[in-house]
Each structure stands twice: as C-alpha cells, then as structure tokens.
Amino acid sequence: FASAIVYYSTSPLSMIEASSNTAVTIGGNSLLVNTNLQASHSGTLTGLAGNTTYYYVVYVKDGSGNENITWPSTFKTN
C-alpha cells in the first residue's frame, strides 16, 4: 500500500537526488493522486494541450517511508 503523485511537463522533468536531510525534488506540474495508503490509484489530468507531448514520472511512498519513482516516460495528446 502506498500514496502516489504524478509529475508531468511539456519539457523533460528535472529531478534532484535526495540527501540524508531532504526528499527528492521533481520539477514540473504535479497531480496528487492519493495521500491514503492504497493498493491501486487513479487520477485525471485536466487542462492538457492538444497534439502535445508530455513527460511524466510517478512517485510513490509506502507506509514504511520507502520511496520509488518510475522511469521517465512520455505520452502524446490528440
């Protein structure tokens, strides 16, 4: 079970590695999918431009504080 945030942008996302005192910093827009610890998540991105490529990553954190970020990927709107 984990919480989830989707980060997205029309340009490649910037990610700054964590240090012992700070969490990972990810540039771009974000959609907080769910702060509750759940087994699955869903969310809706609104206001996206047509015929545009978006870059995205998904950040998840479980109840024990373990974090994971997906490999950066893209999608294109119609």
C-alpha atoms as a PDB file:
ATOM      1  CA  PHE A   1       0.000   0.000   0.000  1.00  0.00           C
ATOM      2  CA  ALA A   2       1.330   3.456  -0.927  1.00  0.00           C
ATOM      3  CA  SER A   3       0.494   7.088  -1.641  1.00  0.00           C
ATOM      4  CA  ALA A   4       1.093   8.447  -5.162  1.00  0.00           C
ATOM      5  CA  ILE A   5       1.905  11.665  -7.038  1.00  0.00           C
ATOM      6  CA  VAL A   6       2.158  12.077 -10.836  1.00  0.00           C
ATOM      7  CA  TYR A   7       4.615  14.731 -12.065  1.00  0.00           C
ATOM      8  CA  TYR A   8       4.258  15.937 -15.674  1.00  0.00           C
ATOM      9  CA  SER A   9       5.508  18.650 -18.012  1.00  0.00           C
ATOM     10  CA  THR A  10       5.802  19.535 -21.694  1.00  0.00           C
ATOM     11  CA  SER A  11       9.593  19.542 -21.264  1.00  0.00           C
ATOM     12  CA  PRO A  12      11.814  16.874 -19.679  1.00  0.00           C
ATOM     13  CA  LEU A  13      11.399  16.789 -15.898  1.00  0.00           C
ATOM     14  CA  SER A  14      14.254  17.790 -13.639  1.00  0.00           C
ATOM     15  CA  MET A  15      14.974  15.521 -10.699  1.00  0.00           C
ATOM     16  CA  ILE A  16      17.412  16.347  -7.907  1.00  0.00           C
ATOM     17  CA  GLU A  17      18.701  13.436  -5.853  1.00  0.00           C
ATOM     18  CA  ALA A  18      17.803  13.208  -2.217  1.00  0.00           C
ATOM     19  CA  SER A  19      20.284  13.830   0.543  1.00  0.00           C
ATOM     20  CA  SER A  20      20.091  12.471   4.061  1.00  0.00           C
ATOM     21  CA  ASN A  21      18.007  15.522   5.048  1.00  0.00           C
ATOM     22  CA  THR A  22      15.715  16.125   2.079  1.00  0.00           C
ATOM     23  CA  ALA A  23      13.335  14.232  -0.187  1.00  0.00           C
ATOM     24  CA  VAL A  24      13.715  14.013  -3.950  1.00  0.00           C
ATOM     25  CA  THR A  25      12.807  17.249  -5.735  1.00  0.00           C
ATOM     26  CA  ILE A  26      10.987  16.870  -9.064  1.00  0.00           C
ATOM     27  CA  GLY A  27      10.263  19.840 -11.341  1.00  0.00           C
ATOM     28  CA  GLY A  28       7.063  20.274 -13.359  1.00  0.00           C
ATOM     29  CA  ASN A  29       3.362  20.189 -12.591  1.00  0.00           C
ATOM     30  CA  SER A  30       2.004  17.601 -10.207  1.00  0.00           C
ATOM     31  CA  LEU A  31      -1.221  15.746  -9.530  1.00  0.00           C
ATOM     32  CA  LEU A  32      -1.644  14.366  -6.039  1.00  0.00           C
ATOM     33  CA  VAL A  33      -3.381  11.083  -6.792  1.00  0.00           C
ATOM     34  CA  ASN A  34      -3.907   9.941  -3.220  1.00  0.00           C
ATOM     35  CA  THR A  35      -2.325  10.527   0.186  1.00  0.00           C
ATOM     36  CA  ASN A  36      -4.052   7.486   1.672  1.00  0.00           C
ATOM     37  CA  LEU A  37      -2.099   4.239   1.576  1.00  0.00           C
ATOM     38  CA  GLN A  38      -3.847   2.164  -1.096  1.00  0.00           C
ATOM     39  CA  ALA A  39      -3.025  -0.815  -3.299  1.00  0.00           C
ATOM     40  CA  SER A  40      -4.124   0.946  -6.503  1.00  0.00           C
ATOM     41  CA  HIS A  41      -4.567   4.562  -7.558  1.00  0.00           C
ATOM     42  CA  SER A  42      -6.218   6.530 -10.364  1.00  0.00           C
ATOM     43  CA  GLY A  43      -6.316  10.207 -11.268  1.00  0.00           C
ATOM     44  CA  THR A  44      -7.357  12.529 -14.088  1.00  0.00           C
ATOM     45  CA  LEU A  45      -5.134  15.154 -15.684  1.00  0.00           C
ATOM     46  CA  THR A  46      -7.147  18.141 -16.915  1.00  0.00           C
ATOM     47  CA  GLY A  47      -6.270  21.190 -18.980  1.00  0.00           C
ATOM     48  CA  LEU A  48      -3.748  19.417 -21.205  1.00  0.00           C
ATOM     49  CA  ALA A  49      -2.951  20.978 -24.583  1.00  0.00           C
ATOM     50  CA  GLY A  50      -3.881  19.084 -27.746  1.00  0.00           C
ATOM     51  CA  ASN A  51      -1.270  17.498 -30.014  1.00  0.00           C
ATOM     52  CA  THR A  52       1.395  17.881 -27.325  1.00  0.00           C
ATOM     53  CA  THR A  53       4.000  15.502 -25.898  1.00  0.00           C
ATOM     54  CA  TYR A  54       4.106  15.329 -22.102  1.00  0.00           C
ATOM     55  CA  TYR A  55       6.846  13.863 -19.938  1.00  0.00           C
ATOM     56  CA  TYR A  56       5.874  12.158 -16.679  1.00  0.00           C
ATOM     57  CA  VAL A  57       7.030  10.141 -13.685  1.00  0.00           C
ATOM     58  CA  VAL A  58       5.046   8.573 -10.853  1.00  0.00           C
ATOM     59  CA  TYR A  59       6.311   8.931  -7.278  1.00  0.00           C
ATOM     60  CA  VAL A  60       5.062   6.500  -4.636  1.00  0.00           C
ATOM     61  CA  LYS A  61       5.765   6.209  -0.914  1.00  0.00           C
ATOM     62  CA  ASP A  62       4.677   3.340   1.299  1.00  0.00           C
ATOM     63  CA  GLY A  63       3.738   3.362   4.972  1.00  0.00           C
ATOM     64  CA  SER A  64       7.317   2.480   5.992  1.00  0.00           C
ATOM     65  CA  GLY A  65       8.717   5.527   4.165  1.00  0.00           C
ATOM     66  CA  ASN A  66      10.139   3.588   1.205  1.00  0.00           C
ATOM     67  CA  GLU A  67      10.059   5.724  -1.954  1.00  0.00           C
ATOM     68  CA  ASN A  68      10.053   4.771  -5.629  1.00  0.00           C
ATOM     69  CA  ILE A  69       9.985   6.835  -8.820  1.00  0.00           C
ATOM     70  CA  THR A  70       9.130   5.331 -12.187  1.00  0.00           C
ATOM     71  CA  TRP A  71      11.478   5.672 -15.123  1.00  0.00           C
ATOM     72  CA  PRO A  72      10.624   8.906 -17.031  1.00  0.00           C
ATOM     73  CA  SER A  73       8.212   8.308 -19.888  1.00  0.00           C
ATOM     74  CA  THR A  74       6.057  10.268 -22.341  1.00  0.00           C
ATOM     75  CA  PHE A  75       2.542  10.402 -23.750  1.00  0.00           C
ATOM     76  CA  LYS A  76       1.048  12.489 -26.554  1.00  0.00           C
ATOM     77  CA  THR A  77      -2.405  14.094 -26.539  1.00  0.00           C
ATOM     78  CA  ASN A  78      -4.658  14.136 -29.611  1.00  0.00           C
END
